[in-house]
Amino acid sequence: MRLMEGEHVGPFNLGNPGEFTMLELAQVVQEVIDPNAKIEFRPNTADDPHKRKPDILKAKELLGWEPTISLRQGLPLMVSDFRQRIFGEQKDASSNSATSQ
């Protein structure tokens, strides 16, 4: 909201500055969202970044923003929100229990 309503222009990284591999991300999805999810290994694309650690300094300095929710906490919240927006599903007890772990 600060970015949309502010006077700053240009790209801002709003990612999480913690660095993790795609395998680590897939494992978190498996643990937190779906233990039955299958992890598939595919060749990298030519433009695949080797470093996945966004520089959020501009957002911190100009917007006073930095992430406050961990991946493990935020992933179930995001899935629940997307399901509600896309499918009209109501939040249920299972999504709440996943966030408390």
PDB file of N, CA and C in Angstrom:
ATOM      1  N   MET A   1       0.839  -1.185   0.000  1.00  0.00           N
ATOM      2  CA  MET A   1       0.000   0.000   0.000  1.00  0.00           C
ATOM      3  C   MET A   1       0.888   1.255   0.000  1.00  0.00           C
ATOM      4  N   ARG A   2       1.963   1.202   0.782  1.00  0.00           N
ATOM      5  CA  ARG A   2       2.864   2.362   0.832  1.00  0.00           C
ATOM      6  C   ARG A   2       3.456   2.653  -0.536  1.00  0.00           C
ATOM      7  N   LEU A   3       3.788   1.613  -1.259  1.00  0.00           N
ATOM      8  CA  LEU A   3       4.373   1.798  -2.584  1.00  0.00           C
ATOM      9  C   LEU A   3       3.341   2.353  -3.550  1.00  0.00           C
ATOM     10  N   MET A   4       2.144   1.800  -3.529  1.00  0.00           N
ATOM     11  CA  MET A   4       1.093   2.262  -4.448  1.00  0.00           C
ATOM     12  C   MET A   4       0.669   3.695  -4.149  1.00  0.00           C
ATOM     13  N   GLU A   5       0.603   4.043  -2.893  1.00  0.00           N
ATOM     14  CA  GLU A   5       0.112   5.360  -2.507  1.00  0.00           C
ATOM     15  C   GLU A   5       1.229   6.392  -2.353  1.00  0.00           C
ATOM     16  N   GLY A   6       2.479   5.952  -2.434  1.00  0.00           N
ATOM     17  CA  GLY A   6       3.610   6.852  -2.241  1.00  0.00           C
ATOM     18  C   GLY A   6       4.067   7.503  -3.523  1.00  0.00           C
ATOM     19  N   GLU A   7       5.119   8.260  -3.405  1.00  0.00           N
ATOM     20  CA  GLU A   7       5.664   8.998  -4.548  1.00  0.00           C
ATOM     21  C   GLU A   7       6.865   8.302  -5.173  1.00  0.00           C
ATOM     22  N   HIS A   8       7.301   7.195  -4.599  1.00  0.00           N
ATOM     23  CA  HIS A   8       8.475   6.493  -5.119  1.00  0.00           C
ATOM     24  C   HIS A   8       8.096   5.693  -6.357  1.00  0.00           C
ATOM     25  N   VAL A   9       8.998   5.705  -7.337  1.00  0.00           N
ATOM     26  CA  VAL A   9       8.772   4.945  -8.566  1.00  0.00           C
ATOM     27  C   VAL A   9       9.929   3.984  -8.785  1.00  0.00           C
ATOM     28  N   GLY A  10       9.715   3.069  -9.684  1.00  0.00           N
ATOM     29  CA  GLY A  10      10.762   2.113 -10.016  1.00  0.00           C
ATOM     30  C   GLY A  10      10.521   0.782  -9.354  1.00  0.00           C
ATOM     31  N   PRO A  11      11.313  -0.193  -9.703  1.00  0.00           N
ATOM     32  CA  PRO A  11      11.123  -1.519  -9.126  1.00  0.00           C
ATOM     33  C   PRO A  11      11.563  -1.576  -7.662  1.00  0.00           C
ATOM     34  N   PHE A  12      10.812  -2.316  -6.880  1.00  0.00           N
ATOM     35  CA  PHE A  12      11.124  -2.574  -5.485  1.00  0.00           C
ATOM     36  C   PHE A  12      11.081  -4.074  -5.265  1.00  0.00           C
ATOM     37  N   ASN A  13      12.094  -4.641  -4.662  1.00  0.00           N
ATOM     38  CA  ASN A  13      12.070  -6.043  -4.282  1.00  0.00           C
ATOM     39  C   ASN A  13      11.307  -6.163  -2.975  1.00  0.00           C
ATOM     40  N   LEU A  14      10.265  -6.965  -2.966  1.00  0.00           N
ATOM     41  CA  LEU A  14       9.482  -7.185  -1.757  1.00  0.00           C
ATOM     42  C   LEU A  14       9.539  -8.640  -1.331  1.00  0.00           C
ATOM     43  N   GLY A  15      10.588  -9.310  -1.713  1.00  0.00           N
ATOM     44  CA  GLY A  15      10.752 -10.713  -1.368  1.00  0.00           C
ATOM     45  C   GLY A  15      11.334 -10.892   0.013  1.00  0.00           C
ATOM     46  N   ASN A  16      11.594 -12.138   0.340  1.00  0.00           N
ATOM     47  CA  ASN A  16      12.201 -12.462   1.614  1.00  0.00           C
ATOM     48  C   ASN A  16      13.705 -12.555   1.411  1.00  0.00           C
ATOM     49  N   PRO A  17      14.494 -11.809   2.185  1.00  0.00           N
ATOM     50  CA  PRO A  17      15.930 -11.813   1.964  1.00  0.00           C
ATOM     51  C   PRO A  17      16.634 -13.092   2.422  1.00  0.00           C
ATOM     52  N   GLY A  18      15.902 -14.019   3.018  1.00  0.00           N
ATOM     53  CA  GLY A  18      16.486 -15.310   3.360  1.00  0.00           C
ATOM     54  C   GLY A  18      16.697 -16.114   2.096  1.00  0.00           C
ATOM     55  N   GLU A  19      17.874 -16.708   1.958  1.00  0.00           N
ATOM     56  CA  GLU A  19      18.170 -17.456   0.742  1.00  0.00           C
ATOM     57  C   GLU A  19      17.920 -18.942   0.965  1.00  0.00           C
ATOM     58  N   PHE A  20      17.236 -19.585   0.013  1.00  0.00           N
ATOM     59  CA  PHE A  20      17.007 -21.018   0.065  1.00  0.00           C
ATOM     60  C   PHE A  20      16.916 -21.556  -1.347  1.00  0.00           C
ATOM     61  N   THR A  21      17.226 -22.825  -1.502  1.00  0.00           N
ATOM     62  CA  THR A  21      17.195 -23.452  -2.819  1.00  0.00           C
ATOM     63  C   THR A  21      15.755 -23.807  -3.189  1.00  0.00           C
ATOM     64  N   MET A  22      15.553 -24.128  -4.452  1.00  0.00           N
ATOM     65  CA  MET A  22      14.217 -24.549  -4.890  1.00  0.00           C
ATOM     66  C   MET A  22      13.841 -25.867  -4.234  1.00  0.00           C
ATOM     67  N   LEU A  23      14.828 -26.731  -3.983  1.00  0.00           N
ATOM     68  CA  LEU A  23      14.546 -27.981  -3.285  1.00  0.00           C
ATOM     69  C   LEU A  23      14.071 -27.692  -1.862  1.00  0.00           C
ATOM     70  N   GLU A  24      14.723 -26.768  -1.183  1.00  0.00           N
ATOM     71  CA  GLU A  24      14.292 -26.399   0.173  1.00  0.00           C
ATOM     72  C   GLU A  24      12.872 -25.828   0.162  1.00  0.00           C
ATOM     73  N   LEU A  25      12.563 -25.000  -0.833  1.00  0.00           N
ATOM     74  CA  LEU A  25      11.205 -24.459  -0.961  1.00  0.00           C
ATOM     75  C   LEU A  25      10.202 -25.583  -1.184  1.00  0.00           C
ATOM     76  N   ALA A  26      10.521 -26.498  -2.082  1.00  0.00           N
ATOM     77  CA  ALA A  26       9.624 -27.625  -2.358  1.00  0.00           C
ATOM     78  C   ALA A  26       9.402 -28.474  -1.107  1.00  0.00           C
ATOM     79  N   GLN A  27      10.454 -28.667  -0.327  1.00  0.00           N
ATOM     80  CA  GLN A  27      10.330 -29.449   0.904  1.00  0.00           C
ATOM     81  C   GLN A  27       9.447 -28.747   1.928  1.00  0.00           C
ATOM     82  N   VAL A  28       9.528 -27.425   2.007  1.00  0.00           N
ATOM     83  CA  VAL A  28       8.658 -26.673   2.923  1.00  0.00           C
ATOM     84  C   VAL A  28       7.212 -26.801   2.459  1.00  0.00           C
ATOM     85  N   VAL A  29       6.966 -26.696   1.154  1.00  0.00           N
ATOM     86  CA  VAL A  29       5.607 -26.870   0.627  1.00  0.00           C
ATOM     87  C   VAL A  29       5.093 -28.258   0.996  1.00  0.00           C
ATOM     88  N   GLN A  30       5.930 -29.252   0.829  1.00  0.00           N
ATOM     89  CA  GLN A  30       5.561 -30.627   1.175  1.00  0.00           C
ATOM     90  C   GLN A  30       5.220 -30.744   2.664  1.00  0.00           C
ATOM     91  N   GLU A  31       6.043 -30.189   3.516  1.00  0.00           N
ATOM     92  CA  GLU A  31       5.833 -30.282   4.967  1.00  0.00           C
ATOM     93  C   GLU A  31       4.610 -29.513   5.428  1.00  0.00           C
ATOM     94  N   VAL A  32       4.426 -28.313   4.907  1.00  0.00           N
ATOM     95  CA  VAL A  32       3.419 -27.404   5.436  1.00  0.00           C
ATOM     96  C   VAL A  32       2.076 -27.523   4.715  1.00  0.00           C
ATOM     97  N   ILE A  33       2.103 -27.794   3.416  1.00  0.00           N
ATOM     98  CA  ILE A  33       0.877 -27.766   2.619  1.00  0.00           C
ATOM     99  C   ILE A  33       0.381 -29.154   2.242  1.00  0.00           C
ATOM    100  N   ASP A  34       1.251 -29.972   1.660  1.00  0.00           N
ATOM    101  CA  ASP A  34       0.799 -31.268   1.148  1.00  0.00           C
ATOM    102  C   ASP A  34       1.908 -32.306   1.244  1.00  0.00           C
ATOM    103  N   PRO A  35       1.871 -33.148   2.278  1.00  0.00           N
ATOM    104  CA  PRO A  35       2.911 -34.169   2.446  1.00  0.00           C
ATOM    105  C   PRO A  35       2.976 -35.155   1.283  1.00  0.00           C
ATOM    106  N   ASN A  36       1.913 -35.250   0.491  1.00  0.00           N
ATOM    107  CA  ASN A  36       1.883 -36.178  -0.638  1.00  0.00           C
ATOM    108  C   ASN A  36       2.365 -35.541  -1.941  1.00  0.00           C
ATOM    109  N   ALA A  37       2.707 -34.257  -1.903  1.00  0.00           N
ATOM    110  CA  ALA A  37       3.184 -33.589  -3.113  1.00  0.00           C
ATOM    111  C   ALA A  37       4.481 -34.239  -3.575  1.00  0.00           C
ATOM    112  N   LYS A  38       4.574 -34.481  -4.866  1.00  0.00           N
ATOM    113  CA  LYS A  38       5.763 -35.110  -5.431  1.00  0.00           C
ATOM    114  C   LYS A  38       6.719 -34.012  -5.898  1.00  0.00           C
ATOM    115  N   ILE A  39       7.976 -34.140  -5.516  1.00  0.00           N
ATOM    116  CA  ILE A  39       8.990 -33.191  -5.970  1.00  0.00           C
ATOM    117  C   ILE A  39       9.607 -33.735  -7.244  1.00  0.00           C
ATOM    118  N   GLU A  40       9.552 -32.960  -8.314  1.00  0.00           N
ATOM    119  CA  GLU A  40      10.117 -33.357  -9.599  1.00  0.00           C
ATOM    120  C   GLU A  40      11.338 -32.510  -9.895  1.00  0.00           C
ATOM    121  N   PHE A  41      12.357 -33.137 -10.410  1.00  0.00           N
ATOM    122  CA  PHE A  41      13.586 -32.442 -10.768  1.00  0.00           C
ATOM    123  C   PHE A  41      13.598 -32.229 -12.278  1.00  0.00           C
ATOM    124  N   ARG A  42      13.785 -30.979 -12.674  1.00  0.00           N
ATOM    125  CA  ARG A  42      13.823 -30.609 -14.084  1.00  0.00           C
ATOM    126  C   ARG A  42      15.090 -29.811 -14.358  1.00  0.00           C
ATOM    127  N   PRO A  43      15.544 -29.799 -15.605  1.00  0.00           N
ATOM    128  CA  PRO A  43      16.726 -28.984 -15.931  1.00  0.00           C
ATOM    129  C   PRO A  43      16.419 -27.496 -15.723  1.00  0.00           C
ATOM    130  N   ASN A  44      17.424 -26.754 -15.280  1.00  0.00           N
ATOM    131  CA  ASN A  44      17.265 -25.310 -15.125  1.00  0.00           C
ATOM    132  C   ASN A  44      17.088 -24.658 -16.483  1.00  0.00           C
ATOM    133  N   THR A  45      16.376 -23.556 -16.506  1.00  0.00           N
ATOM    134  CA  THR A  45      16.274 -22.764 -17.723  1.00  0.00           C
ATOM    135  C   THR A  45      17.527 -21.905 -17.836  1.00  0.00           C
ATOM    136  N   ALA A  46      17.779 -21.383 -19.018  1.00  0.00           N
ATOM    137  CA  ALA A  46      18.984 -20.582 -19.245  1.00  0.00           C
ATOM    138  C   ALA A  46      19.006 -19.335 -18.359  1.00  0.00           C
ATOM    139  N   ASP A  47      17.829 -18.787 -18.061  1.00  0.00           N
ATOM    140  CA  ASP A  47      17.774 -17.554 -17.271  1.00  0.00           C
ATOM    141  C   ASP A  47      17.526 -17.807 -15.780  1.00  0.00           C
ATOM    142  N   ASP A  48      17.684 -19.054 -15.336  1.00  0.00           N
ATOM    143  CA  ASP A  48      17.471 -19.380 -13.930  1.00  0.00           C
ATOM    144  C   ASP A  48      18.515 -18.675 -13.069  1.00  0.00           C
ATOM    145  N   PRO A  49      18.073 -17.881 -12.085  1.00  0.00           N
ATOM    146  CA  PRO A  49      19.061 -17.182 -11.253  1.00  0.00           C
ATOM    147  C   PRO A  49      19.795 -18.155 -10.330  1.00  0.00           C
ATOM    148  N   HIS A  50      21.072 -17.944 -10.180  1.00  0.00           N
ATOM    149  CA  HIS A  50      21.859 -18.791  -9.279  1.00  0.00           C
ATOM    150  C   HIS A  50      21.717 -18.311  -7.843  1.00  0.00           C
ATOM    151  N   LYS A  51      21.418 -17.036  -7.687  1.00  0.00           N
ATOM    152  CA  LYS A  51      21.246 -16.469  -6.357  1.00  0.00           C
ATOM    153  C   LYS A  51      19.791 -16.035  -6.198  1.00  0.00           C
ATOM    154  N   ARG A  52      19.146 -16.553  -5.183  1.00  0.00           N
ATOM    155  CA  ARG A  52      17.748 -16.215  -4.938  1.00  0.00           C
ATOM    156  C   ARG A  52      17.640 -15.507  -3.592  1.00  0.00           C
ATOM    157  N   LYS A  53      18.249 -14.378  -3.513  1.00  0.00           N
ATOM    158  CA  LYS A  53      18.220 -13.597  -2.285  1.00  0.00           C
ATOM    159  C   LYS A  53      17.985 -12.145  -2.680  1.00  0.00           C
ATOM    160  N   PRO A  54      16.723 -11.711  -2.685  1.00  0.00           N
ATOM    161  CA  PRO A  54      16.437 -10.354  -3.143  1.00  0.00           C
ATOM    162  C   PRO A  54      17.024  -9.292  -2.225  1.00  0.00           C
ATOM    163  N   ASP A  55      17.455  -8.211  -2.830  1.00  0.00           N
ATOM    164  CA  ASP A  55      17.963  -7.068  -2.082  1.00  0.00           C
ATOM    165  C   ASP A  55      16.769  -6.167  -1.766  1.00  0.00           C
ATOM    166  N   ILE A  56      16.349  -6.153  -0.501  1.00  0.00           N
ATOM    167  CA  ILE A  56      15.168  -5.376  -0.117  1.00  0.00           C
ATOM    168  C   ILE A  56      15.533  -4.040   0.527  1.00  0.00           C
ATOM    169  N   LEU A  57      16.798  -3.625   0.375  1.00  0.00           N
ATOM    170  CA  LEU A  57      17.266  -2.395   1.008  1.00  0.00           C
ATOM    171  C   LEU A  57      16.426  -1.176   0.603  1.00  0.00           C
ATOM    172  N   LYS A  58      16.074  -1.076  -0.664  1.00  0.00           N
ATOM    173  CA  LYS A  58      15.274   0.061  -1.142  1.00  0.00           C
ATOM    174  C   LYS A  58      13.908   0.093  -0.446  1.00  0.00           C
ATOM    175  N   ALA A  59      13.287  -1.058  -0.311  1.00  0.00           N
ATOM    176  CA  ALA A  59      11.984  -1.130   0.372  1.00  0.00           C
ATOM    177  C   ALA A  59      12.131  -0.772   1.848  1.00  0.00           C
ATOM    178  N   LYS A  60      13.212  -1.228   2.469  1.00  0.00           N
ATOM    179  CA  LYS A  60      13.445  -0.924   3.884  1.00  0.00           C
ATOM    180  C   LYS A  60      13.663   0.572   4.088  1.00  0.00           C
ATOM    181  N   GLU A  61      14.508   1.157   3.241  1.00  0.00           N
ATOM    182  CA  GLU A  61      14.867   2.566   3.419  1.00  0.00           C
ATOM    183  C   GLU A  61      13.751   3.526   3.020  1.00  0.00           C
ATOM    184  N   LEU A  62      13.120   3.295   1.877  1.00  0.00           N
ATOM    185  CA  LEU A  62      12.142   4.259   1.365  1.00  0.00           C
ATOM    186  C   LEU A  62      10.713   3.996   1.831  1.00  0.00           C
ATOM    187  N   LEU A  63      10.400   2.734   2.135  1.00  0.00           N
ATOM    188  CA  LEU A  63       9.027   2.396   2.521  1.00  0.00           C
ATOM    189  C   LEU A  63       8.920   1.971   3.980  1.00  0.00           C
ATOM    190  N   GLY A  64      10.052   1.735   4.613  1.00  0.00           N
ATOM    191  CA  GLY A  64      10.022   1.222   5.979  1.00  0.00           C
ATOM    192  C   GLY A  64       9.422  -0.172   6.044  1.00  0.00           C
ATOM    193  N   TRP A  65       9.656  -0.973   4.995  1.00  0.00           N
ATOM    194  CA  TRP A  65       9.049  -2.313   4.905  1.00  0.00           C
ATOM    195  C   TRP A  65      10.117  -3.386   4.930  1.00  0.00           C
ATOM    196  N   GLU A  66       9.815  -4.457   5.624  1.00  0.00           N
ATOM    197  CA  GLU A  66      10.570  -5.700   5.536  1.00  0.00           C
ATOM    198  C   GLU A  66       9.650  -6.827   5.982  1.00  0.00           C
ATOM    199  N   PRO A  67       9.894  -8.052   5.512  1.00  0.00           N
ATOM    200  CA  PRO A  67       8.997  -9.149   5.862  1.00  0.00           C
ATOM    201  C   PRO A  67       9.018  -9.434   7.365  1.00  0.00           C
ATOM    202  N   THR A  68       7.848  -9.784   7.888  1.00  0.00           N
ATOM    203  CA  THR A  68       7.736 -10.104   9.318  1.00  0.00           C
ATOM    204  C   THR A  68       7.198 -11.509   9.546  1.00  0.00           C
ATOM    205  N   ILE A  69       6.810 -12.185   8.484  1.00  0.00           N
ATOM    206  CA  ILE A  69       6.238 -13.523   8.586  1.00  0.00           C
ATOM    207  C   ILE A  69       7.152 -14.489   7.858  1.00  0.00           C
ATOM    208  N   SER A  70       7.478 -15.596   8.503  1.00  0.00           N
ATOM    209  CA  SER A  70       8.364 -16.585   7.889  1.00  0.00           C
ATOM    210  C   SER A  70       7.648 -17.327   6.766  1.00  0.00           C
ATOM    211  N   LEU A  71       8.440 -17.988   5.936  1.00  0.00           N
ATOM    212  CA  LEU A  71       7.886 -18.804   4.851  1.00  0.00           C
ATOM    213  C   LEU A  71       6.933 -19.858   5.401  1.00  0.00           C
ATOM    214  N   ARG A  72       7.342 -20.555   6.442  1.00  0.00           N
ATOM    215  CA  ARG A  72       6.504 -21.612   7.026  1.00  0.00           C
ATOM    216  C   ARG A  72       5.186 -21.067   7.571  1.00  0.00           C
ATOM    217  N   GLN A  73       5.193 -19.847   8.082  1.00  0.00           N
ATOM    218  CA  GLN A  73       3.957 -19.242   8.582  1.00  0.00           C
ATOM    219  C   GLN A  73       3.121 -18.689   7.437  1.00  0.00           C
ATOM    220  N   GLY A  74       3.773 -18.057   6.474  1.00  0.00           N
ATOM    221  CA  GLY A  74       3.066 -17.356   5.414  1.00  0.00           C
ATOM    222  C   GLY A  74       2.507 -18.233   4.321  1.00  0.00           C
ATOM    223  N   LEU A  75       3.167 -19.348   4.036  1.00  0.00           N
ATOM    224  CA  LEU A  75       2.723 -20.225   2.949  1.00  0.00           C
ATOM    225  C   LEU A  75       1.294 -20.722   3.147  1.00  0.00           C
ATOM    226  N   PRO A  76       0.931 -21.256   4.317  1.00  0.00           N
ATOM    227  CA  PRO A  76      -0.464 -21.684   4.509  1.00  0.00           C
ATOM    228  C   PRO A  76      -1.451 -20.520   4.423  1.00  0.00           C
ATOM    229  N   LEU A  77      -1.051 -19.351   4.879  1.00  0.00           N
ATOM    230  CA  LEU A  77      -1.928 -18.183   4.785  1.00  0.00           C
ATOM    231  C   LEU A  77      -2.167 -17.804   3.332  1.00  0.00           C
ATOM    232  N   MET A  78      -1.103 -17.844   2.526  1.00  0.00           N
ATOM    233  CA  MET A  78      -1.220 -17.523   1.106  1.00  0.00           C
ATOM    234  C   MET A  78      -2.117 -18.529   0.386  1.00  0.00           C
ATOM    235  N   VAL A  79      -1.904 -19.813   0.653  1.00  0.00           N
ATOM    236  CA  VAL A  79      -2.719 -20.852   0.017  1.00  0.00           C
ATOM    237  C   VAL A  79      -4.187 -20.673   0.388  1.00  0.00           C
ATOM    238  N   SER A  80      -4.456 -20.433   1.646  1.00  0.00           N
ATOM    239  CA  SER A  80      -5.825 -20.233   2.110  1.00  0.00           C
ATOM    240  C   SER A  80      -6.455 -19.020   1.427  1.00  0.00           C
ATOM    241  N   ASP A  81      -5.696 -17.930   1.325  1.00  0.00           N
ATOM    242  CA  ASP A  81      -6.200 -16.722   0.683  1.00  0.00           C
ATOM    243  C   ASP A  81      -6.479 -16.966  -0.802  1.00  0.00           C
ATOM    244  N   PHE A  82      -5.554 -17.634  -1.497  1.00  0.00           N
ATOM    245  CA  PHE A  82      -5.762 -17.928  -2.915  1.00  0.00           C
ATOM    246  C   PHE A  82      -6.977 -18.825  -3.122  1.00  0.00           C
ATOM    247  N   ARG A  83      -7.118 -19.843  -2.276  1.00  0.00           N
ATOM    248  CA  ARG A  83      -8.275 -20.738  -2.417  1.00  0.00           C
ATOM    249  C   ARG A  83      -9.576 -19.972  -2.233  1.00  0.00           C
ATOM    250  N   GLN A  84      -9.581 -19.061  -1.282  1.00  0.00           N
ATOM    251  CA  GLN A  84     -10.786 -18.271  -1.032  1.00  0.00           C
ATOM    252  C   GLN A  84     -11.066 -17.352  -2.224  1.00  0.00           C
ATOM    253  N   ARG A  85     -10.040 -16.688  -2.740  1.00  0.00           N
ATOM    254  CA  ARG A  85     -10.214 -15.753  -3.858  1.00  0.00           C
ATOM    255  C   ARG A  85     -10.595 -16.469  -5.155  1.00  0.00           C
ATOM    256  N   ILE A  86      -9.941 -17.599  -5.420  1.00  0.00           N
ATOM    257  CA  ILE A  86     -10.145 -18.287  -6.697  1.00  0.00           C
ATOM    258  C   ILE A  86     -11.369 -19.196  -6.670  1.00  0.00           C
ATOM    259  N   PHE A  87     -11.511 -19.976  -5.596  1.00  0.00           N
ATOM    260  CA  PHE A  87     -12.560 -20.980  -5.552  1.00  0.00           C
ATOM    261  C   PHE A  87     -13.706 -20.625  -4.611  1.00  0.00           C
ATOM    262  N   GLY A  88     -13.566 -19.540  -3.870  1.00  0.00           N
ATOM    263  CA  GLY A  88     -14.608 -19.150  -2.934  1.00  0.00           C
ATOM    264  C   GLY A  88     -14.663 -20.036  -1.706  1.00  0.00           C
ATOM    265  N   GLU A  89     -13.592 -20.813  -1.475  1.00  0.00           N
ATOM    266  CA  GLU A  89     -13.568 -21.701  -0.312  1.00  0.00           C
ATOM    267  C   GLU A  89     -13.404 -20.869   0.954  1.00  0.00           C
ATOM    268  N   GLN A  90     -14.079 -21.294   1.999  1.00  0.00           N
ATOM    269  CA  GLN A  90     -13.953 -20.627   3.287  1.00  0.00           C
ATOM    270  C   GLN A  90     -12.742 -21.181   4.019  1.00  0.00           C
ATOM    271  N   LYS A  91     -12.150 -20.358   4.860  1.00  0.00           N
ATOM    272  CA  LYS A  91     -11.027 -20.827   5.672  1.00  0.00           C
ATOM    273  C   LYS A  91     -11.539 -21.871   6.633  1.00  0.00           C
ATOM    274  N   ASP A  92     -10.760 -22.960   6.765  1.00  0.00           N
ATOM    275  CA  ASP A  92     -11.199 -24.043   7.644  1.00  0.00           C
ATOM    276  C   ASP A  92     -10.184 -24.280   8.749  1.00  0.00           C
ATOM    277  N   ALA A  93     -10.509 -25.192   9.624  1.00  0.00           N
ATOM    278  CA  ALA A  93      -9.661 -25.476  10.778  1.00  0.00           C
ATOM    279  C   ALA A  93      -8.306 -26.039  10.364  1.00  0.00           C
ATOM    280  N   SER A  94      -8.243 -26.788   9.239  1.00  0.00           N
ATOM    281  CA  SER A  94      -6.973 -27.377   8.842  1.00  0.00           C
ATOM    282  C   SER A  94      -5.978 -26.305   8.427  1.00  0.00           C
ATOM    283  N   SER A  95      -6.444 -25.234   7.781  1.00  0.00           N
ATOM    284  CA  SER A  95      -5.501 -24.187   7.403  1.00  0.00           C
ATOM    285  C   SER A  95      -5.046 -23.409   8.629  1.00  0.00           C
ATOM    286  N   ASN A  96      -5.905 -23.296   9.636  1.00  0.00           N
ATOM    287  CA  ASN A  96      -5.506 -22.609  10.849  1.00  0.00           C
ATOM    288  C   ASN A  96      -4.502 -23.427  11.638  1.00  0.00           C
ATOM    289  N   SER A  97      -4.667 -24.751  11.656  1.00  0.00           N
ATOM    290  CA  SER A  97      -3.738 -25.584  12.418  1.00  0.00           C
ATOM    291  C   SER A  97      -2.361 -25.575  11.770  1.00  0.00           C
ATOM    292  N   ALA A  98      -2.309 -25.456  10.447  1.00  0.00           N
ATOM    293  CA  ALA A  98      -1.022 -25.437   9.770  1.00  0.00           C
ATOM    294  C   ALA A  98      -0.236 -24.176  10.118  1.00  0.00           C
ATOM    295  N   THR A  99      -0.939 -23.086  10.392  1.00  0.00           N
ATOM    296  CA  THR A  99      -0.240 -21.842  10.691  1.00  0.00           C
ATOM    297  C   THR A  99       0.290 -21.815  12.107  1.00  0.00           C
ATOM    298  N   SER A 100      -0.230 -22.652  12.964  1.00  0.00           N
ATOM    299  CA  SER A 100       0.210 -22.621  14.366  1.00  0.00           C
ATOM    300  C   SER A 100       1.410 -23.529  14.625  1.00  0.00           C
ATOM    301  N   GLN A 101       1.852 -24.259  13.599  1.00  0.00           N
ATOM    302  CA  GLN A 101       2.987 -25.180  13.789  1.00  0.00           C
ATOM    303  C   GLN A 101       4.284 -24.450  13.726  1.00  0.00           C
TER     304      GLN A 101
END
